[in-house]
Amino acid sequence: MSATGDPVTLISILGSDYSVKTTPEQQPALRAAVQTLQRLLATNKAQSPGLLGEKLLVLTALQLCAEQAELQQRQEAMLQAERAANVRVEALLGVLSPAVD
């Protein structure tokens, strides 16, 4: 346990161990993130065997950031489409609804 009472989870990335403070609710997400990172590191290492250590980690981090940016762009496009659809529905309902005096 840490001084704040949050448990400390030990994770291993590229042969180095890290202690990460997490709440019990955060632990499943941390485990999933570690698995994703390790999978991408292994994939990138297989594709570029000359990349080691920090360079491999930076390449993988950039890949994850690019994926995150793409997801954010998709989400924003979906929100804009939803807003436009809501405007159209409201306009259509306004045309179909009888005027209230």
PDB file of N, CA and C in Angstrom:
ATOM      1  N   MET A   1       0.833  -1.187   0.000  1.00  0.00           N
ATOM      2  CA  MET A   1       0.000   0.000   0.000  1.00  0.00           C
ATOM      3  C   MET A   1       0.876   1.248   0.000  1.00  0.00           C
ATOM      4  N   SER A   2       0.364   2.272  -0.635  1.00  0.00           N
ATOM      5  CA  SER A   2       1.087   3.541  -0.652  1.00  0.00           C
ATOM      6  C   SER A   2       0.694   4.367   0.561  1.00  0.00           C
ATOM      7  N   ALA A   3       1.351   5.491   0.725  1.00  0.00           N
ATOM      8  CA  ALA A   3       1.058   6.369   1.857  1.00  0.00           C
ATOM      9  C   ALA A   3      -0.372   6.883   1.801  1.00  0.00           C
ATOM     10  N   THR A   4      -0.955   6.992   0.602  1.00  0.00           N
ATOM     11  CA  THR A   4      -2.317   7.491   0.456  1.00  0.00           C
ATOM     12  C   THR A   4      -3.348   6.384   0.618  1.00  0.00           C
ATOM     13  N   GLY A   5      -2.898   5.146   0.802  1.00  0.00           N
ATOM     14  CA  GLY A   5      -3.815   4.037   0.969  1.00  0.00           C
ATOM     15  C   GLY A   5      -4.144   3.321  -0.325  1.00  0.00           C
ATOM     16  N   ASP A   6      -3.760   3.880  -1.466  1.00  0.00           N
ATOM     17  CA  ASP A   6      -3.999   3.219  -2.739  1.00  0.00           C
ATOM     18  C   ASP A   6      -3.017   2.078  -2.898  1.00  0.00           C
ATOM     19  N   PRO A   7      -3.480   0.942  -3.417  1.00  0.00           N
ATOM     20  CA  PRO A   7      -2.542  -0.161  -3.625  1.00  0.00           C
ATOM     21  C   PRO A   7      -1.516   0.175  -4.698  1.00  0.00           C
ATOM     22  N   VAL A   8      -0.368  -0.456  -4.592  1.00  0.00           N
ATOM     23  CA  VAL A   8       0.691  -0.281  -5.580  1.00  0.00           C
ATOM     24  C   VAL A   8       0.737  -1.547  -6.414  1.00  0.00           C
ATOM     25  N   THR A   9       0.671  -1.371  -7.721  1.00  0.00           N
ATOM     26  CA  THR A   9       0.723  -2.490  -8.651  1.00  0.00           C
ATOM     27  C   THR A   9       2.077  -2.479  -9.334  1.00  0.00           C
ATOM     28  N   LEU A  10       2.725  -3.625  -9.363  1.00  0.00           N
ATOM     29  CA  LEU A  10       4.015  -3.755 -10.023  1.00  0.00           C
ATOM     30  C   LEU A  10       3.778  -4.201 -11.459  1.00  0.00           C
ATOM     31  N   ILE A  11       4.311  -3.430 -12.405  1.00  0.00           N
ATOM     32  CA  ILE A  11       4.212  -3.805 -13.812  1.00  0.00           C
ATOM     33  C   ILE A  11       5.615  -3.884 -14.394  1.00  0.00           C
ATOM     34  N   SER A  12       5.760  -4.668 -15.460  1.00  0.00           N
ATOM     35  CA  SER A  12       7.059  -4.831 -16.100  1.00  0.00           C
ATOM     36  C   SER A  12       6.926  -4.485 -17.579  1.00  0.00           C
ATOM     37  N   ILE A  13       7.778  -3.561 -18.038  1.00  0.00           N
ATOM     38  CA  ILE A  13       7.779  -3.139 -19.436  1.00  0.00           C
ATOM     39  C   ILE A  13       9.224  -3.113 -19.911  1.00  0.00           C
ATOM     40  N   LEU A  14       9.489  -3.835 -20.987  1.00  0.00           N
ATOM     41  CA  LEU A  14      10.830  -3.935 -21.562  1.00  0.00           C
ATOM     42  C   LEU A  14      11.883  -4.312 -20.521  1.00  0.00           C
ATOM     43  N   GLY A  15      11.504  -5.227 -19.628  1.00  0.00           N
ATOM     44  CA  GLY A  15      12.446  -5.717 -18.642  1.00  0.00           C
ATOM     45  C   GLY A  15      12.646  -4.836 -17.433  1.00  0.00           C
ATOM     46  N   SER A  16      11.963  -3.708 -17.377  1.00  0.00           N
ATOM     47  CA  SER A  16      12.061  -2.836 -16.211  1.00  0.00           C
ATOM     48  C   SER A  16      10.753  -2.901 -15.433  1.00  0.00           C
ATOM     49  N   ASP A  17      10.879  -2.912 -14.106  1.00  0.00           N
ATOM     50  CA  ASP A  17       9.702  -2.955 -13.247  1.00  0.00           C
ATOM     51  C   ASP A  17       9.335  -1.545 -12.793  1.00  0.00           C
ATOM     52  N   TYR A  18       8.033  -1.306 -12.717  1.00  0.00           N
ATOM     53  CA  TYR A  18       7.512  -0.016 -12.296  1.00  0.00           C
ATOM     54  C   TYR A  18       6.424  -0.241 -11.256  1.00  0.00           C
ATOM     55  N   SER A  19       6.430   0.577 -10.222  1.00  0.00           N
ATOM     56  CA  SER A  19       5.373   0.551  -9.217  1.00  0.00           C
ATOM     57  C   SER A  19       4.397   1.669  -9.543  1.00  0.00           C
ATOM     58  N   VAL A  20       3.132   1.296  -9.687  1.00  0.00           N
ATOM     59  CA  VAL A  20       2.114   2.264 -10.070  1.00  0.00           C
ATOM     60  C   VAL A  20       1.017   2.272  -9.008  1.00  0.00           C
ATOM     61  N   LYS A  21       0.727   3.448  -8.453  1.00  0.00           N
ATOM     62  CA  LYS A  21      -0.360   3.573  -7.486  1.00  0.00           C
ATOM     63  C   LYS A  21      -1.681   3.559  -8.246  1.00  0.00           C
ATOM     64  N   THR A  22      -2.590   2.715  -7.790  1.00  0.00           N
ATOM     65  CA  THR A  22      -3.904   2.627  -8.427  1.00  0.00           C
ATOM     66  C   THR A  22      -4.960   2.406  -7.366  1.00  0.00           C
ATOM     67  N   THR A  23      -6.161   2.817  -7.700  1.00  0.00           N
ATOM     68  CA  THR A  23      -7.298   2.427  -6.879  1.00  0.00           C
ATOM     69  C   THR A  23      -7.734   1.054  -7.369  1.00  0.00           C
ATOM     70  N   PRO A  24      -8.479   0.326  -6.585  1.00  0.00           N
ATOM     71  CA  PRO A  24      -8.964  -0.975  -7.058  1.00  0.00           C
ATOM     72  C   PRO A  24      -9.764  -0.862  -8.363  1.00  0.00           C
ATOM     73  N   GLU A  25     -10.486   0.232  -8.538  1.00  0.00           N
ATOM     74  CA  GLU A  25     -11.264   0.429  -9.760  1.00  0.00           C
ATOM     75  C   GLU A  25     -10.380   0.638 -10.982  1.00  0.00           C
ATOM     76  N   GLN A  26      -9.180   1.190 -10.802  1.00  0.00           N
ATOM     77  CA  GLN A  26      -8.269   1.477 -11.902  1.00  0.00           C
ATOM     78  C   GLN A  26      -7.436   0.272 -12.322  1.00  0.00           C
ATOM     79  N   GLN A  27      -7.339  -0.738 -11.475  1.00  0.00           N
ATOM     80  CA  GLN A  27      -6.456  -1.866 -11.751  1.00  0.00           C
ATOM     81  C   GLN A  27      -6.814  -2.635 -13.032  1.00  0.00           C
ATOM     82  N   PRO A  28      -8.092  -2.917 -13.314  1.00  0.00           N
ATOM     83  CA  PRO A  28      -8.385  -3.616 -14.581  1.00  0.00           C
ATOM     84  C   PRO A  28      -7.952  -2.804 -15.805  1.00  0.00           C
ATOM     85  N   ALA A  29      -8.162  -1.504 -15.780  1.00  0.00           N
ATOM     86  CA  ALA A  29      -7.749  -0.657 -16.907  1.00  0.00           C
ATOM     87  C   ALA A  29      -6.226  -0.636 -17.037  1.00  0.00           C
ATOM     88  N   LEU A  30      -5.527  -0.601 -15.906  1.00  0.00           N
ATOM     89  CA  LEU A  30      -4.062  -0.619 -15.941  1.00  0.00           C
ATOM     90  C   LEU A  30      -3.564  -1.936 -16.525  1.00  0.00           C
ATOM     91  N   ARG A  31      -4.140  -3.039 -16.100  1.00  0.00           N
ATOM     92  CA  ARG A  31      -3.730  -4.349 -16.641  1.00  0.00           C
ATOM     93  C   ARG A  31      -3.986  -4.412 -18.141  1.00  0.00           C
ATOM     94  N   ALA A  32      -5.133  -3.908 -18.577  1.00  0.00           N
ATOM     95  CA  ALA A  32      -5.441  -3.909 -20.014  1.00  0.00           C
ATOM     96  C   ALA A  32      -4.456  -3.031 -20.776  1.00  0.00           C
ATOM     97  N   ALA A  33      -4.109  -1.876 -20.204  1.00  0.00           N
ATOM     98  CA  ALA A  33      -3.156  -0.971 -20.855  1.00  0.00           C
ATOM     99  C   ALA A  33      -1.779  -1.614 -20.965  1.00  0.00           C
ATOM    100  N   VAL A  34      -1.354  -2.296 -19.909  1.00  0.00           N
ATOM    101  CA  VAL A  34      -0.046  -2.971 -19.930  1.00  0.00           C
ATOM    102  C   VAL A  34      -0.045  -4.064 -20.994  1.00  0.00           C
ATOM    103  N   GLN A  35      -1.118  -4.839 -21.071  1.00  0.00           N
ATOM    104  CA  GLN A  35      -1.202  -5.896 -22.088  1.00  0.00           C
ATOM    105  C   GLN A  35      -1.158  -5.315 -23.498  1.00  0.00           C
ATOM    106  N   THR A  36      -1.886  -4.220 -23.716  1.00  0.00           N
ATOM    107  CA  THR A  36      -1.880  -3.568 -25.026  1.00  0.00           C
ATOM    108  C   THR A  36      -0.485  -3.064 -25.368  1.00  0.00           C
ATOM    109  N   LEU A  37       0.157  -2.400 -24.420  1.00  0.00           N
ATOM    110  CA  LEU A  37       1.503  -1.876 -24.655  1.00  0.00           C
ATOM    111  C   LEU A  37       2.481  -3.003 -24.946  1.00  0.00           C
ATOM    112  N   GLN A  38       2.426  -4.076 -24.174  1.00  0.00           N
ATOM    113  CA  GLN A  38       3.347  -5.188 -24.398  1.00  0.00           C
ATOM    114  C   GLN A  38       3.108  -5.846 -25.762  1.00  0.00           C
ATOM    115  N   ARG A  39       1.848  -5.966 -26.161  1.00  0.00           N
ATOM    116  CA  ARG A  39       1.528  -6.540 -27.470  1.00  0.00           C
ATOM    117  C   ARG A  39       2.077  -5.660 -28.591  1.00  0.00           C
ATOM    118  N   LEU A  40       1.877  -4.349 -28.488  1.00  0.00           N
ATOM    119  CA  LEU A  40       2.378  -3.433 -29.516  1.00  0.00           C
ATOM    120  C   LEU A  40       3.905  -3.384 -29.537  1.00  0.00           C
ATOM    121  N   LEU A  41       4.519  -3.429 -28.370  1.00  0.00           N
ATOM    122  CA  LEU A  41       5.980  -3.463 -28.321  1.00  0.00           C
ATOM    123  C   LEU A  41       6.510  -4.710 -29.021  1.00  0.00           C
ATOM    124  N   ALA A  42       5.886  -5.852 -28.766  1.00  0.00           N
ATOM    125  CA  ALA A  42       6.325  -7.102 -29.406  1.00  0.00           C
ATOM    126  C   ALA A  42       6.128  -7.032 -30.917  1.00  0.00           C
ATOM    127  N   THR A  43       5.000  -6.480 -31.351  1.00  0.00           N
ATOM    128  CA  THR A  43       4.723  -6.346 -32.790  1.00  0.00           C
ATOM    129  C   THR A  43       5.741  -5.423 -33.442  1.00  0.00           C
ATOM    130  N   ASN A  44       5.982  -4.274 -32.836  1.00  0.00           N
ATOM    131  CA  ASN A  44       6.938  -3.316 -33.403  1.00  0.00           C
ATOM    132  C   ASN A  44       8.361  -3.869 -33.393  1.00  0.00           C
ATOM    133  N   LYS A  45       8.710  -4.618 -32.350  1.00  0.00           N
ATOM    134  CA  LYS A  45      10.045  -5.209 -32.289  1.00  0.00           C
ATOM    135  C   LYS A  45      10.217  -6.260 -33.385  1.00  0.00           C
ATOM    136  N   ALA A  46       9.160  -7.032 -33.645  1.00  0.00           N
ATOM    137  CA  ALA A  46       9.218  -8.043 -34.711  1.00  0.00           C
ATOM    138  C   ALA A  46       9.337  -7.384 -36.085  1.00  0.00           C
ATOM    139  N   GLN A  47       8.672  -6.242 -36.261  1.00  0.00           N
ATOM    140  CA  GLN A  47       8.710  -5.538 -37.546  1.00  0.00           C
ATOM    141  C   GLN A  47       9.998  -4.753 -37.737  1.00  0.00           C
ATOM    142  N   SER A  48      10.569  -4.293 -36.648  1.00  0.00           N
ATOM    143  CA  SER A  48      11.813  -3.501 -36.700  1.00  0.00           C
ATOM    144  C   SER A  48      12.780  -4.027 -35.656  1.00  0.00           C
ATOM    145  N   PRO A  49      13.438  -5.163 -35.936  1.00  0.00           N
ATOM    146  CA  PRO A  49      14.292  -5.787 -34.929  1.00  0.00           C
ATOM    147  C   PRO A  49      15.453  -4.911 -34.460  1.00  0.00           C
ATOM    148  N   GLY A  50      15.823  -3.910 -35.231  1.00  0.00           N
ATOM    149  CA  GLY A  50      16.917  -3.036 -34.838  1.00  0.00           C
ATOM    150  C   GLY A  50      16.530  -2.036 -33.777  1.00  0.00           C
ATOM    151  N   LEU A  51      15.232  -1.844 -33.564  1.00  0.00           N
ATOM    152  CA  LEU A  51      14.788  -0.897 -32.538  1.00  0.00           C
ATOM    153  C   LEU A  51      14.825  -1.569 -31.179  1.00  0.00           C
ATOM    154  N   LEU A  52      15.486  -0.917 -30.246  1.00  0.00           N
ATOM    155  CA  LEU A  52      15.590  -1.462 -28.900  1.00  0.00           C
ATOM    156  C   LEU A  52      15.306  -0.373 -27.882  1.00  0.00           C
ATOM    157  N   GLY A  53      14.896  -0.780 -26.721  1.00  0.00           N
ATOM    158  CA  GLY A  53      14.757   0.114 -25.587  1.00  0.00           C
ATOM    159  C   GLY A  53      13.926   1.347 -25.841  1.00  0.00           C
ATOM    160  N   GLU A  54      14.551   2.485 -25.600  1.00  0.00           N
ATOM    161  CA  GLU A  54      13.850   3.764 -25.659  1.00  0.00           C
ATOM    162  C   GLU A  54      13.275   4.050 -27.045  1.00  0.00           C
ATOM    163  N   LYS A  55      14.010   3.732 -28.102  1.00  0.00           N
ATOM    164  CA  LYS A  55      13.517   3.992 -29.455  1.00  0.00           C
ATOM    165  C   LYS A  55      12.276   3.161 -29.750  1.00  0.00           C
ATOM    166  N   LEU A  56      12.276   1.914 -29.313  1.00  0.00           N
ATOM    167  CA  LEU A  56      11.111   1.053 -29.493  1.00  0.00           C
ATOM    168  C   LEU A  56       9.924   1.592 -28.702  1.00  0.00           C
ATOM    169  N   LEU A  57      10.184   2.031 -27.493  1.00  0.00           N
ATOM    170  CA  LEU A  57       9.131   2.580 -26.649  1.00  0.00           C
ATOM    171  C   LEU A  57       8.553   3.863 -27.235  1.00  0.00           C
ATOM    172  N   VAL A  58       9.420   4.742 -27.754  1.00  0.00           N
ATOM    173  CA  VAL A  58       8.950   5.993 -28.354  1.00  0.00           C
ATOM    174  C   VAL A  58       8.116   5.718 -29.602  1.00  0.00           C
ATOM    175  N   LEU A  59       8.564   4.813 -30.456  1.00  0.00           N
ATOM    176  CA  LEU A  59       7.799   4.459 -31.651  1.00  0.00           C
ATOM    177  C   LEU A  59       6.423   3.932 -31.266  1.00  0.00           C
ATOM    178  N   THR A  60       6.377   3.072 -30.270  1.00  0.00           N
ATOM    179  CA  THR A  60       5.108   2.504 -29.832  1.00  0.00           C
ATOM    180  C   THR A  60       4.214   3.563 -29.196  1.00  0.00           C
ATOM    181  N   ALA A  61       4.794   4.454 -28.417  1.00  0.00           N
ATOM    182  CA  ALA A  61       4.020   5.544 -27.819  1.00  0.00           C
ATOM    183  C   ALA A  61       3.429   6.445 -28.903  1.00  0.00           C
ATOM    184  N   LEU A  62       4.214   6.738 -29.934  1.00  0.00           N
ATOM    185  CA  LEU A  62       3.698   7.540 -31.040  1.00  0.00           C
ATOM    186  C   LEU A  62       2.549   6.834 -31.753  1.00  0.00           C
ATOM    187  N   GLN A  63       2.685   5.534 -31.917  1.00  0.00           N
ATOM    188  CA  GLN A  63       1.622   4.749 -32.543  1.00  0.00           C
ATOM    189  C   GLN A  63       0.345   4.828 -31.706  1.00  0.00           C
ATOM    190  N   LEU A  64       0.471   4.673 -30.406  1.00  0.00           N
ATOM    191  CA  LEU A  64      -0.694   4.760 -29.529  1.00  0.00           C
ATOM    192  C   LEU A  64      -1.316   6.152 -29.555  1.00  0.00           C
ATOM    193  N   CYS A  65      -0.481   7.176 -29.574  1.00  0.00           N
ATOM    194  CA  CYS A  65      -0.997   8.549 -29.636  1.00  0.00           C
ATOM    195  C   CYS A  65      -1.715   8.809 -30.945  1.00  0.00           C
ATOM    196  N   ALA A  66      -1.196   8.286 -32.043  1.00  0.00           N
ATOM    197  CA  ALA A  66      -1.848   8.451 -33.342  1.00  0.00           C
ATOM    198  C   ALA A  66      -3.204   7.753 -33.348  1.00  0.00           C
ATOM    199  N   GLU A  67      -3.262   6.562 -32.772  1.00  0.00           N
ATOM    200  CA  GLU A  67      -4.536   5.842 -32.687  1.00  0.00           C
ATOM    201  C   GLU A  67      -5.535   6.619 -31.832  1.00  0.00           C
ATOM    202  N   GLN A  68      -5.063   7.184 -30.724  1.00  0.00           N
ATOM    203  CA  GLN A  68      -5.935   7.972 -29.855  1.00  0.00           C
ATOM    204  C   GLN A  68      -6.454   9.209 -30.580  1.00  0.00           C
ATOM    205  N   ALA A  69      -5.588   9.888 -31.316  1.00  0.00           N
ATOM    206  CA  ALA A  69      -6.003  11.076 -32.064  1.00  0.00           C
ATOM    207  C   ALA A  69      -7.048  10.706 -33.122  1.00  0.00           C
ATOM    208  N   GLU A  70      -6.850   9.580 -33.787  1.00  0.00           N
ATOM    209  CA  GLU A  70      -7.812   9.128 -34.795  1.00  0.00           C
ATOM    210  C   GLU A  70      -9.159   8.816 -34.152  1.00  0.00           C
ATOM    211  N   LEU A  71      -9.145   8.173 -33.003  1.00  0.00           N
ATOM    212  CA  LEU A  71     -10.394   7.880 -32.299  1.00  0.00           C
ATOM    213  C   LEU A  71     -11.096   9.167 -31.877  1.00  0.00           C
ATOM    214  N   GLN A  72     -10.339  10.149 -31.424  1.00  0.00           N
ATOM    215  CA  GLN A  72     -10.936  11.427 -31.032  1.00  0.00           C
ATOM    216  C   GLN A  72     -11.556  12.125 -32.237  1.00  0.00           C
ATOM    217  N   GLN A  73     -10.885  12.072 -33.391  1.00  0.00           N
ATOM    218  CA  GLN A  73     -11.438  12.682 -34.598  1.00  0.00           C
ATOM    219  C   GLN A  73     -12.726  11.983 -35.010  1.00  0.00           C
ATOM    220  N   ARG A  74     -12.745  10.651 -34.938  1.00  0.00           N
ATOM    221  CA  ARG A  74     -13.961   9.899 -35.277  1.00  0.00           C
ATOM    222  C   ARG A  74     -15.100  10.247 -34.328  1.00  0.00           C
ATOM    223  N   GLN A  75     -14.774  10.353 -33.043  1.00  0.00           N
ATOM    224  CA  GLN A  75     -15.798  10.684 -32.059  1.00  0.00           C
ATOM    225  C   GLN A  75     -16.366  12.079 -32.330  1.00  0.00           C
ATOM    226  N   GLU A  76     -15.508  13.028 -32.641  1.00  0.00           N
ATOM    227  CA  GLU A  76     -15.968  14.388 -32.935  1.00  0.00           C
ATOM    228  C   GLU A  76     -16.846  14.394 -34.178  1.00  0.00           C
ATOM    229  N   ALA A  77     -16.463  13.644 -35.205  1.00  0.00           N
ATOM    230  CA  ALA A  77     -17.276  13.565 -36.424  1.00  0.00           C
ATOM    231  C   ALA A  77     -18.643  12.955 -36.116  1.00  0.00           C
ATOM    232  N   MET A  78     -18.661  11.939 -35.261  1.00  0.00           N
ATOM    233  CA  MET A  78     -19.936  11.322 -34.885  1.00  0.00           C
ATOM    234  C   MET A  78     -20.809  12.287 -34.104  1.00  0.00           C
ATOM    235  N   LEU A  79     -20.202  13.061 -33.207  1.00  0.00           N
ATOM    236  CA  LEU A  79     -20.962  14.053 -32.450  1.00  0.00           C
ATOM    237  C   LEU A  79     -21.530  15.131 -33.364  1.00  0.00           C
ATOM    238  N   GLN A  80     -20.747  15.583 -34.338  1.00  0.00           N
ATOM    239  CA  GLN A  80     -21.232  16.583 -35.288  1.00  0.00           C
ATOM    240  C   GLN A  80     -22.386  16.027 -36.118  1.00  0.00           C
ATOM    241  N   ALA A  81     -22.266  14.770 -36.548  1.00  0.00           N
ATOM    242  CA  ALA A  81     -23.336  14.139 -37.319  1.00  0.00           C
ATOM    243  C   ALA A  81     -24.591  13.995 -36.468  1.00  0.00           C
ATOM    244  N   GLU A  82     -24.417  13.648 -35.207  1.00  0.00           N
ATOM    245  CA  GLU A  82     -25.558  13.524 -34.303  1.00  0.00           C
ATOM    246  C   GLU A  82     -26.241  14.874 -34.099  1.00  0.00           C
ATOM    247  N   ARG A  83     -25.450  15.931 -33.914  1.00  0.00           N
ATOM    248  CA  ARG A  83     -26.028  17.273 -33.761  1.00  0.00           C
ATOM    249  C   ARG A  83     -26.796  17.683 -35.009  1.00  0.00           C
ATOM    250  N   ALA A  84     -26.211  17.422 -36.172  1.00  0.00           N
ATOM    251  CA  ALA A  84     -26.891  17.766 -37.433  1.00  0.00           C
ATOM    252  C   ALA A  84     -28.181  16.974 -37.576  1.00  0.00           C
ATOM    253  N   ALA A  85     -28.170  15.708 -37.218  1.00  0.00           N
ATOM    254  CA  ALA A  85     -29.378  14.887 -37.301  1.00  0.00           C
ATOM    255  C   ALA A  85     -30.438  15.402 -36.339  1.00  0.00           C
ATOM    256  N   ASN A  86     -30.023  15.796 -35.142  1.00  0.00           N
ATOM    257  CA  ASN A  86     -30.980  16.347 -34.169  1.00  0.00           C
ATOM    258  C   ASN A  86     -31.623  17.632 -34.687  1.00  0.00           C
ATOM    259  N   VAL A  87     -30.836  18.475 -35.323  1.00  0.00           N
ATOM    260  CA  VAL A  87     -31.374  19.716 -35.889  1.00  0.00           C
ATOM    261  C   VAL A  87     -32.408  19.394 -36.958  1.00  0.00           C
ATOM    262  N   ARG A  88     -32.091  18.422 -37.833  1.00  0.00           N
ATOM    263  CA  ARG A  88     -33.030  18.031 -38.892  1.00  0.00           C
ATOM    264  C   ARG A  88     -34.313  17.445 -38.315  1.00  0.00           C
ATOM    265  N   VAL A  89     -34.175  16.613 -37.293  1.00  0.00           N
ATOM    266  CA  VAL A  89     -35.360  16.001 -36.668  1.00  0.00           C
ATOM    267  C   VAL A  89     -36.220  17.078 -36.038  1.00  0.00           C
ATOM    268  N   GLU A  90     -35.606  18.019 -35.322  1.00  0.00           N
ATOM    269  CA  GLU A  90     -36.367  19.100 -34.705  1.00  0.00           C
ATOM    270  C   GLU A  90     -37.071  19.951 -35.754  1.00  0.00           C
ATOM    271  N   ALA A  91     -36.388  20.211 -36.859  1.00  0.00           N
ATOM    272  CA  ALA A  91     -37.022  20.990 -37.934  1.00  0.00           C
ATOM    273  C   ALA A  91     -38.192  20.220 -38.529  1.00  0.00           C
ATOM    274  N   LEU A  92     -38.027  18.942 -38.746  1.00  0.00           N
ATOM    275  CA  LEU A  92     -39.084  18.114 -39.296  1.00  0.00           C
ATOM    276  C   LEU A  92     -40.267  18.035 -38.350  1.00  0.00           C
ATOM    277  N   LEU A  93     -40.002  17.884 -37.053  1.00  0.00           N
ATOM    278  CA  LEU A  93     -41.076  17.850 -36.067  1.00  0.00           C
ATOM    279  C   LEU A  93     -41.812  19.182 -36.009  1.00  0.00           C
ATOM    280  N   GLY A  94     -41.066  20.263 -36.191  1.00  0.00           N
ATOM    281  CA  GLY A  94     -41.687  21.578 -36.206  1.00  0.00           C
ATOM    282  C   GLY A  94     -42.630  21.730 -37.387  1.00  0.00           C
ATOM    283  N   VAL A  95     -42.308  21.165 -38.517  1.00  0.00           N
ATOM    284  CA  VAL A  95     -43.154  21.233 -39.709  1.00  0.00           C
ATOM    285  C   VAL A  95     -44.371  20.345 -39.539  1.00  0.00           C
ATOM    286  N   LEU A  96     -44.177  19.177 -38.931  1.00  0.00           N
ATOM    287  CA  LEU A  96     -45.281  18.218 -38.808  1.00  0.00           C
ATOM    288  C   LEU A  96     -46.212  18.529 -37.642  1.00  0.00           C
ATOM    289  N   SER A  97     -45.727  19.196 -36.615  1.00  0.00           N
ATOM    290  CA  SER A  97     -46.552  19.499 -35.443  1.00  0.00           C
ATOM    291  C   SER A  97     -47.462  20.664 -35.753  1.00  0.00           C
ATOM    292  N   PRO A  98     -48.732  20.580 -35.304  1.00  0.00           N
ATOM    293  CA  PRO A  98     -49.632  21.725 -35.507  1.00  0.00           C
ATOM    294  C   PRO A  98     -49.170  22.904 -34.656  1.00  0.00           C
ATOM    295  N   ALA A  99     -49.378  24.077 -35.181  1.00  0.00           N
ATOM    296  CA  ALA A  99     -48.973  25.299 -34.452  1.00  0.00           C
ATOM    297  C   ALA A  99     -49.823  25.418 -33.206  1.00  0.00           C
ATOM    298  N   VAL A 100     -49.154  25.775 -32.101  1.00  0.00           N
ATOM    299  CA  VAL A 100     -49.845  25.962 -30.832  1.00  0.00           C
ATOM    300  C   VAL A 100     -50.021  27.456 -30.619  1.00  0.00           C
ATOM    301  N   ASP A 101     -51.256  27.857 -30.380  1.00  0.00           N
ATOM    302  CA  ASP A 101     -51.546  29.288 -30.164  1.00  0.00           C
ATOM    303  C   ASP A 101     -51.537  29.637 -28.712  1.00  0.00           C
TER     304      ASP A 101
END
